[in-house]
Amino acid sequence: MLEFFMLIITAVLVGGYIYLIYKKRKNLKKEYGWKSYVTPGAFVVAPLVALFSYLFEFGGIITWFTLGFCFITGAFFTKYLPEPSEG
């Protein structure tokens, strides 16, 4: 039962996050290229990896390495994110 709720909540949160990114990026006037999508992509993949790791009992160094890689990559590519608008 806990796994079902975790799956539903994660799906809703990740889906909402993807929708927010799409909505905000659609209204941008300047094109930022593919590098600006790496940070949001990494922060979408990380909870999915953690959830599937928990559900399939696949904890260990591979999961930690994958999550660490996602977070470090996401942090590195923040310099390519669009500038926030005032207001």
Protein backbone atom coordinates (compact mmCIF):
# COMPACT_ATOMS: atom_id res chain seq x y z
CA MET A 1 0.00 0.00 0.00
CA LEU A 2 2.85 2.38 0.83
CA GLU A 3 4.49 1.66 -2.51
CA PHE A 4 1.27 2.50 -4.33
CA PHE A 5 0.99 5.88 -2.59
CA MET A 6 4.66 6.63 -3.23
CA LEU A 7 4.21 5.83 -6.91
CA ILE A 8 1.10 8.01 -7.24
CA ILE A 9 2.58 10.97 -5.36
CA THR A 10 5.84 10.82 -7.31
CA ALA A 11 3.98 10.58 -10.61
CA VAL A 12 1.82 13.60 -9.74
CA LEU A 13 4.78 15.69 -8.57
CA VAL A 14 6.98 14.81 -11.54
CA GLY A 15 4.11 15.38 -13.96
CA GLY A 16 3.36 18.75 -12.37
CA TYR A 17 7.02 19.73 -12.53
CA ILE A 18 7.24 18.81 -16.23
CA TYR A 19 4.05 20.79 -16.92
CA LEU A 20 5.45 23.84 -15.10
CA ILE A 21 8.70 23.67 -17.05
CA TYR A 22 6.79 23.37 -20.33
CA LYS A 23 4.49 26.27 -19.46
CA LYS A 24 7.32 28.60 -18.43
CA ARG A 25 9.55 27.70 -21.38
CA LYS A 26 6.77 28.18 -23.91
CA ASN A 27 6.55 31.90 -23.13
CA LEU A 28 10.28 32.63 -23.43
CA LYS A 29 11.27 34.92 -26.26
CA LYS A 30 14.93 33.94 -26.43
CA GLU A 31 16.07 30.43 -27.37
CA TYR A 32 18.47 28.97 -24.80
CA GLY A 33 19.40 25.67 -26.43
CA TRP A 34 19.57 22.12 -25.16
CA LYS A 35 21.91 22.87 -22.25
CA SER A 36 19.17 24.74 -20.43
CA TYR A 37 17.11 21.54 -20.29
CA VAL A 38 19.80 19.45 -18.57
CA THR A 39 19.16 20.78 -15.06
CA PRO A 40 15.39 20.21 -15.10
CA GLY A 41 15.95 16.83 -16.74
CA ALA A 42 18.40 15.76 -14.06
CA PHE A 43 16.02 16.85 -11.31
CA VAL A 44 13.20 14.86 -12.94
CA VAL A 45 15.29 11.71 -13.34
CA ALA A 46 16.60 11.71 -9.73
CA PRO A 47 13.29 11.03 -7.93
CA LEU A 48 12.37 8.42 -10.52
CA VAL A 49 15.66 6.60 -9.95
CA ALA A 50 15.18 6.77 -6.18
CA LEU A 51 11.60 5.52 -6.42
CA PHE A 52 12.43 2.58 -8.67
CA SER A 53 15.42 1.77 -6.51
CA TYR A 54 13.13 1.53 -3.49
CA LEU A 55 10.35 -0.36 -5.25
CA PHE A 56 12.62 -3.01 -6.77
CA GLU A 57 14.95 -3.14 -3.73
CA PHE A 58 17.93 -2.17 -5.83
CA GLY A 59 19.84 -0.05 -3.34
CA GLY A 60 23.56 0.19 -3.44
CA ILE A 61 26.48 1.90 -5.05
CA ILE A 62 24.88 2.04 -8.52
CA THR A 63 21.88 3.95 -7.20
CA TRP A 64 24.04 6.30 -5.16
CA PHE A 65 26.32 6.92 -8.12
CA THR A 66 23.37 7.60 -10.43
CA LEU A 67 21.75 10.02 -7.97
CA GLY A 68 25.06 11.77 -7.32
CA PHE A 69 25.66 12.09 -11.06
CA CYS A 70 22.17 13.56 -11.54
CA PHE A 71 22.65 16.15 -8.80
CA ILE A 72 26.17 17.15 -9.83
CA THR A 73 25.17 17.41 -13.49
CA GLY A 74 22.07 19.43 -12.58
CA ALA A 75 24.13 21.78 -10.43
CA PHE A 76 26.79 22.23 -13.13
CA PHE A 77 24.30 23.13 -15.86
CA THR A 78 22.44 25.75 -13.80
CA LYS A 79 24.60 28.41 -15.44
CA TYR A 80 22.71 27.77 -18.70
CA LEU A 81 19.24 28.32 -17.21
CA PRO A 82 17.26 31.33 -18.46
CA GLU A 83 17.45 34.49 -16.38
CA PRO A 84 14.41 34.91 -14.10
CA SER A 85 12.09 37.73 -15.10
CA GLU A 86 11.29 40.52 -12.65
CA GLY A 87 7.77 40.58 -11.25
